[in-house]
């Protein structure tokens, strides 16, 4: 992901290319995304912070049968001493059926800052289905993550292990995100 801080309240991003590795296909490009993020300036210094992230995706057919999708990600959070609590009531849109087909896929995070550069937390990612037709519990995806973050000057690392909570969720997932500020 490439991101550019255009203002202290505006970030522009590009995910290109998105790819995955699958046993039946090998490595394949899945598409790309444009991202626009509006946030309360200097969120790290505020007790209460908020924002909204908008993503617009182009998808390869093997990745998603819907060629174009988007995401609206409101962001609401609070810093309470060494704790962070963040909620994202995410709405995904396939542009098939207009706003009637909005899919509710919320995420939440609670993290404890062990030091200025280390944080440990839990995250929950879900997908309840379309707002007009919420899926039964067994068809929803719910994943609980244990995460550890290192926010270094040269390199930041976010790692985690996720456990599926429903039969429709992946049983086990790993994530590793490496980032570097190019300023």
Protein backbone atom coordinates (compact mmCIF):
# COMPACT_ATOMS: atom_id res chain seq x y z
CA UNK A 1 0.00 0.00 0.00
CA UNK A 2 1.28 3.40 -0.93
CA UNK A 3 -0.08 6.31 1.10
CA UNK A 4 0.47 10.03 0.86
CA UNK A 5 -0.41 12.46 3.65
CA UNK A 6 -1.78 15.35 1.60
CA UNK A 7 -2.91 17.27 4.71
CA UNK A 8 -2.95 16.54 8.43
CA UNK A 9 -6.60 15.46 7.94
CA UNK A 10 -6.32 13.79 4.49
CA UNK A 11 -4.43 10.71 3.28
CA UNK A 12 -4.52 9.30 -0.25
CA UNK A 13 -3.66 5.66 -0.82
CA UNK A 14 -3.12 3.06 -3.50
CA UNK A 15 -3.06 -0.72 -3.07
CA UNK A 16 -1.39 -2.04 -6.21
CA UNK A 17 -1.19 -4.82 -7.01
CA UNK A 18 -3.22 -6.98 -4.66
CA UNK A 19 -2.23 -10.61 -4.97
CA UNK A 20 -2.64 -14.01 -3.38
CA UNK A 21 -1.23 -17.51 -3.66
CA UNK A 22 -3.63 -20.43 -4.04
CA UNK A 23 -2.87 -24.16 -4.46
CA UNK A 24 -4.98 -24.45 -7.64
CA UNK A 25 -3.75 -21.25 -9.28
CA UNK A 26 -0.38 -20.29 -7.82
CA UNK A 27 0.42 -16.59 -7.50
CA UNK A 28 -2.19 -14.31 -9.08
CA UNK A 29 -3.00 -10.62 -9.17
CA UNK A 30 -6.37 -9.93 -7.56
CA UNK A 31 -6.86 -6.28 -8.52
CA UNK A 32 -6.16 -2.89 -6.98
CA UNK A 33 -7.68 -0.22 -4.73
CA UNK A 34 -7.76 3.54 -4.40
CA UNK A 35 -8.20 4.90 -0.87
CA UNK A 36 -9.19 8.30 0.53
CA UNK A 37 -8.96 8.78 4.30
CA UNK A 38 -10.34 11.79 6.17
CA UNK A 39 -9.38 11.94 9.88
CA UNK A 40 -9.41 14.26 12.85
CA UNK A 41 -6.00 16.00 12.74
CA UNK A 42 -3.33 14.71 15.16
CA UNK A 43 -5.51 11.77 16.25
CA UNK A 44 -2.70 10.25 18.33
CA UNK A 45 -2.78 13.34 20.57
CA UNK A 46 -6.56 13.34 21.10
CA UNK A 47 -8.64 11.47 23.66
CA UNK A 48 -11.49 11.06 21.13
CA UNK A 49 -10.80 10.72 17.41
CA UNK A 50 -12.83 10.00 14.30
CA UNK A 51 -12.56 9.69 10.57
CA UNK A 52 -13.88 8.04 7.44
CA UNK A 53 -12.06 5.88 4.93
CA UNK A 54 -13.36 5.29 1.40
CA UNK A 55 -11.95 2.53 -0.81
CA UNK A 56 -12.73 1.85 -4.47
CA UNK A 57 -11.64 -1.54 -5.85
CA UNK A 58 -11.15 -3.20 -9.21
CA UNK A 59 -11.25 -6.99 -8.76
CA UNK A 60 -10.01 -9.88 -10.89
CA UNK A 61 -12.80 -12.41 -11.53
CA UNK A 62 -11.02 -15.24 -9.66
CA UNK A 63 -10.86 -13.00 -6.57
CA UNK A 64 -14.36 -11.56 -6.58
CA UNK A 65 -17.08 -12.09 -9.19
CA UNK A 66 -18.04 -8.43 -8.71
CA UNK A 67 -15.65 -6.37 -10.86
CA UNK A 68 -16.06 -3.13 -8.91
CA UNK A 69 -16.60 -2.82 -5.17
CA UNK A 70 -16.18 -0.13 -2.55
CA UNK A 71 -15.97 0.28 1.20
CA UNK A 72 -17.15 3.01 3.54
CA UNK A 73 -15.27 2.73 6.84
CA UNK A 74 -16.32 5.17 9.57
CA UNK A 75 -13.71 5.33 12.33
CA UNK A 76 -14.51 6.16 15.95
CA UNK A 77 -12.00 5.74 18.74
CA UNK A 78 -10.73 6.81 22.10
CA UNK A 79 -7.38 6.80 23.86
CA UNK A 80 -7.78 6.12 27.59
CA UNK A 81 -4.35 6.30 29.20
CA UNK A 82 -2.51 3.25 27.79
CA UNK A 83 -5.63 1.78 26.15
CA UNK A 84 -7.04 2.35 22.66
CA UNK A 85 -10.61 1.39 21.73
CA UNK A 86 -11.57 1.68 18.06
CA UNK A 87 -14.79 0.77 16.25
CA UNK A 88 -15.32 0.66 12.48
CA UNK A 89 -18.96 0.06 11.40
CA UNK A 90 -17.87 -0.83 7.84
CA UNK A 91 -20.27 -0.89 4.89
CA UNK A 92 -19.19 -2.73 1.74
CA UNK A 93 -20.91 -2.08 -1.58
CA UNK A 94 -20.81 -4.14 -4.77
CA UNK A 95 -22.73 -1.50 -6.77
CA UNK A 96 -25.16 -4.24 -7.77
CA UNK A 97 -28.53 -3.13 -6.50
CA UNK A 98 -27.29 0.29 -5.34
CA UNK A 99 -27.34 1.16 -1.67
CA UNK A 100 -29.85 -1.63 -1.02
CA UNK A 101 -26.96 -4.10 -1.25
CA UNK A 102 -24.80 -2.52 1.49
CA UNK A 103 -23.03 -5.27 3.42
CA UNK A 104 -22.35 -4.75 7.15
CA UNK A 105 -18.80 -5.88 8.03
CA UNK A 106 -17.80 -4.20 11.32
CA UNK A 107 -14.40 -4.33 12.97
CA UNK A 108 -13.29 -3.47 16.51
CA UNK A 109 -9.95 -3.18 18.29
CA UNK A 110 -8.83 -2.91 21.91
CA UNK A 111 -5.09 -2.44 22.45
CA UNK A 112 -2.87 -1.87 25.45
CA UNK A 113 0.36 0.11 24.94
CA UNK A 114 3.14 -1.79 26.67
CA UNK A 115 5.55 1.06 25.84
CA UNK A 116 5.84 3.94 23.37
CA UNK A 117 6.62 1.49 20.55
CA UNK A 118 4.86 -1.77 21.54
CA UNK A 119 1.15 -2.55 21.81
CA UNK A 120 -0.75 -5.80 22.33
CA UNK A 121 -4.40 -6.15 21.53
CA UNK A 122 -7.40 -8.02 20.29
CA UNK A 123 -9.33 -7.32 17.11
CA UNK A 124 -12.62 -8.68 15.83
CA UNK A 125 -13.63 -8.70 12.17
CA UNK A 126 -17.11 -9.73 11.12
CA UNK A 127 -19.41 -9.86 8.14
CA UNK A 128 -23.12 -9.99 8.90
CA UNK A 129 -24.32 -9.84 5.29
CA UNK A 130 -26.49 -7.23 3.63
CA UNK A 131 -28.23 -4.75 5.93
CA UNK A 132 -31.58 -5.60 4.35
CA UNK A 133 -31.05 -9.35 4.93
CA UNK A 134 -28.71 -10.11 7.86
CA UNK A 135 -27.34 -13.66 7.56
CA UNK A 136 -28.04 -16.37 10.14
CA UNK A 137 -25.23 -16.71 12.69
CA UNK A 138 -23.80 -19.84 11.07
CA UNK A 139 -23.35 -18.02 7.74
CA UNK A 140 -21.73 -14.91 9.19
CA UNK A 141 -17.95 -14.65 9.34
CA UNK A 142 -16.47 -13.71 12.70
CA UNK A 143 -12.74 -13.77 13.39
CA UNK A 144 -11.02 -12.89 16.66
CA UNK A 145 -7.38 -11.80 16.41
CA UNK A 146 -4.54 -11.58 18.92
CA UNK A 147 -2.17 -8.86 17.65
CA UNK A 148 1.20 -7.40 18.54
CA UNK A 149 2.34 -4.08 17.06
CA UNK A 150 5.78 -2.48 16.96
CA UNK A 151 5.84 1.18 15.90
CA UNK A 152 9.50 1.83 15.14
CA UNK A 153 11.18 4.76 13.43
CA UNK A 154 12.72 2.69 10.64
CA UNK A 155 10.08 -0.04 10.39
CA UNK A 156 6.65 -0.71 11.87
CA UNK A 157 5.36 -4.26 12.24
CA UNK A 158 1.85 -5.52 12.87
CA UNK A 159 1.50 -9.26 13.39
CA UNK A 160 -1.37 -11.40 14.49
CA UNK A 161 -3.11 -14.73 14.60
CA UNK A 162 -6.83 -14.97 13.90
CA UNK A 163 -9.29 -17.64 15.00
CA UNK A 164 -12.58 -18.20 13.19
CA UNK A 165 -15.57 -18.12 15.53
CA UNK A 166 -18.19 -19.44 13.08
CA UNK A 167 -18.31 -22.32 10.60
CA UNK A 168 -18.22 -19.81 7.70
CA UNK A 169 -14.98 -18.24 8.96
CA UNK A 170 -11.43 -19.34 8.21
CA UNK A 171 -10.37 -21.59 11.09
CA UNK A 172 -6.93 -20.01 11.40
CA UNK A 173 -5.35 -16.97 9.73
CA UNK A 174 -2.06 -15.15 10.11
CA UNK A 175 -1.21 -11.57 9.27
CA UNK A 176 2.03 -9.70 9.00
CA UNK A 177 2.15 -6.08 7.89
CA UNK A 178 5.48 -4.30 7.46
CA UNK A 179 5.45 -0.55 6.88
CA UNK A 180 8.02 2.17 6.44
CA UNK A 181 7.59 5.92 6.37
CA UNK A 182 9.42 7.27 3.33
CA UNK A 183 9.74 10.83 4.66
